[in-house]
Amino acid sequence: MTKPPAVKRHLPTSPFKARVVPAPKHLAVGDQVTHDMYGLGRVLGVEEGIAALVDFGSTQERILSPYAKMTKL
């Protein structure tokens, strides 16, 4: 399994526009989510802008922001 290429930083002298970073998703306790690796889960706790504690049934995981592999349902 290979890792995706690293995101390149934008140079201030570049003639190209900087890549737009999507805003982090706002999660609340009780929201249902799906994760690429862990599957379906429910949010148990949220540390604003830092992480979310999610119960995936068999395990509880602390998912760091910006929740790249997680989608709110």
Protein backbone atom coordinates (compact mmCIF):
# COMPACT_ATOMS: atom_id res chain seq x y z
CA MET A 1 0.00 0.00 0.00
CA THR A 2 1.47 3.34 -0.98
CA LYS A 3 0.98 6.71 0.66
CA PRO A 4 -0.61 9.56 -1.29
CA PRO A 5 1.84 12.26 -2.36
CA ALA A 6 2.54 14.96 0.21
CA VAL A 7 0.76 18.27 -0.23
CA LYS A 8 3.21 20.81 -1.58
CA ARG A 9 3.35 24.17 0.12
CA HIS A 10 2.62 27.31 -1.87
CA LEU A 11 5.58 29.61 -2.53
CA PRO A 12 4.84 33.34 -2.17
CA THR A 13 6.71 34.06 -5.42
CA SER A 14 4.69 31.54 -7.42
CA PRO A 15 2.60 32.88 -10.33
CA PHE A 16 -0.07 30.23 -9.57
CA LYS A 17 -2.89 30.60 -7.06
CA ALA A 18 -2.59 28.86 -3.71
CA ARG A 19 -4.64 25.69 -3.21
CA VAL A 20 -7.89 26.36 -1.36
CA VAL A 21 -8.03 24.41 1.90
CA PRO A 22 -11.57 23.23 2.70
CA ALA A 23 -12.99 24.39 6.01
CA PRO A 24 -13.06 21.65 8.66
CA LYS A 25 -16.41 19.96 9.15
CA HIS A 26 -18.35 21.00 12.23
CA LEU A 27 -19.32 17.93 14.20
CA ALA A 28 -21.61 17.72 17.21
CA VAL A 29 -22.12 15.02 19.82
CA GLY A 30 -24.54 12.42 18.45
CA ASP A 31 -23.76 13.02 14.75
CA GLN A 32 -23.52 9.90 12.65
CA VAL A 33 -20.35 9.62 10.55
CA THR A 34 -18.60 7.18 8.25
CA HIS A 35 -14.84 6.66 8.12
CA ASP A 36 -12.85 5.11 5.27
CA MET A 37 -11.05 2.68 7.60
CA TYR A 38 -13.37 2.18 10.62
CA GLY A 39 -16.79 2.35 8.94
CA LEU A 40 -20.01 3.68 10.48
CA GLY A 41 -19.83 5.47 13.83
CA ARG A 42 -21.35 8.03 16.19
CA VAL A 43 -19.60 11.10 17.63
CA LEU A 44 -19.18 10.88 21.43
CA GLY A 45 -17.19 14.04 22.03
CA VAL A 46 -15.70 16.99 20.16
CA GLU A 47 -12.61 19.09 20.86
CA GLU A 48 -13.31 22.14 18.66
CA GLY A 49 -10.80 22.37 15.83
CA ILE A 50 -8.62 19.58 17.28
CA ALA A 51 -10.26 16.16 17.27
CA ALA A 52 -13.44 14.12 17.64
CA LEU A 53 -14.00 10.99 19.72
CA VAL A 54 -16.04 8.54 17.65
CA ASP A 55 -17.60 5.20 18.66
CA PHE A 56 -17.37 2.71 15.79
CA GLY A 57 -19.04 -0.14 17.70
CA SER A 58 -16.02 -2.38 18.19
CA THR A 59 -13.63 0.48 18.97
CA GLN A 60 -13.53 4.13 19.99
CA GLU A 61 -11.11 6.31 18.04
CA ARG A 62 -9.92 9.90 18.39
CA ILE A 63 -9.99 11.32 14.85
CA LEU A 64 -7.89 14.45 14.32
CA SER A 65 -9.17 17.50 12.47
CA PRO A 66 -9.65 18.19 9.49
CA TYR A 67 -11.30 14.72 9.36
CA ALA A 68 -9.94 13.92 5.88
CA LYS A 69 -11.17 10.31 5.79
CA MET A 70 -14.44 10.93 7.66
CA THR A 71 -17.77 12.09 6.28
CA LYS A 72 -20.75 13.38 8.25
CA LEU A 73 -24.01 11.60 7.34
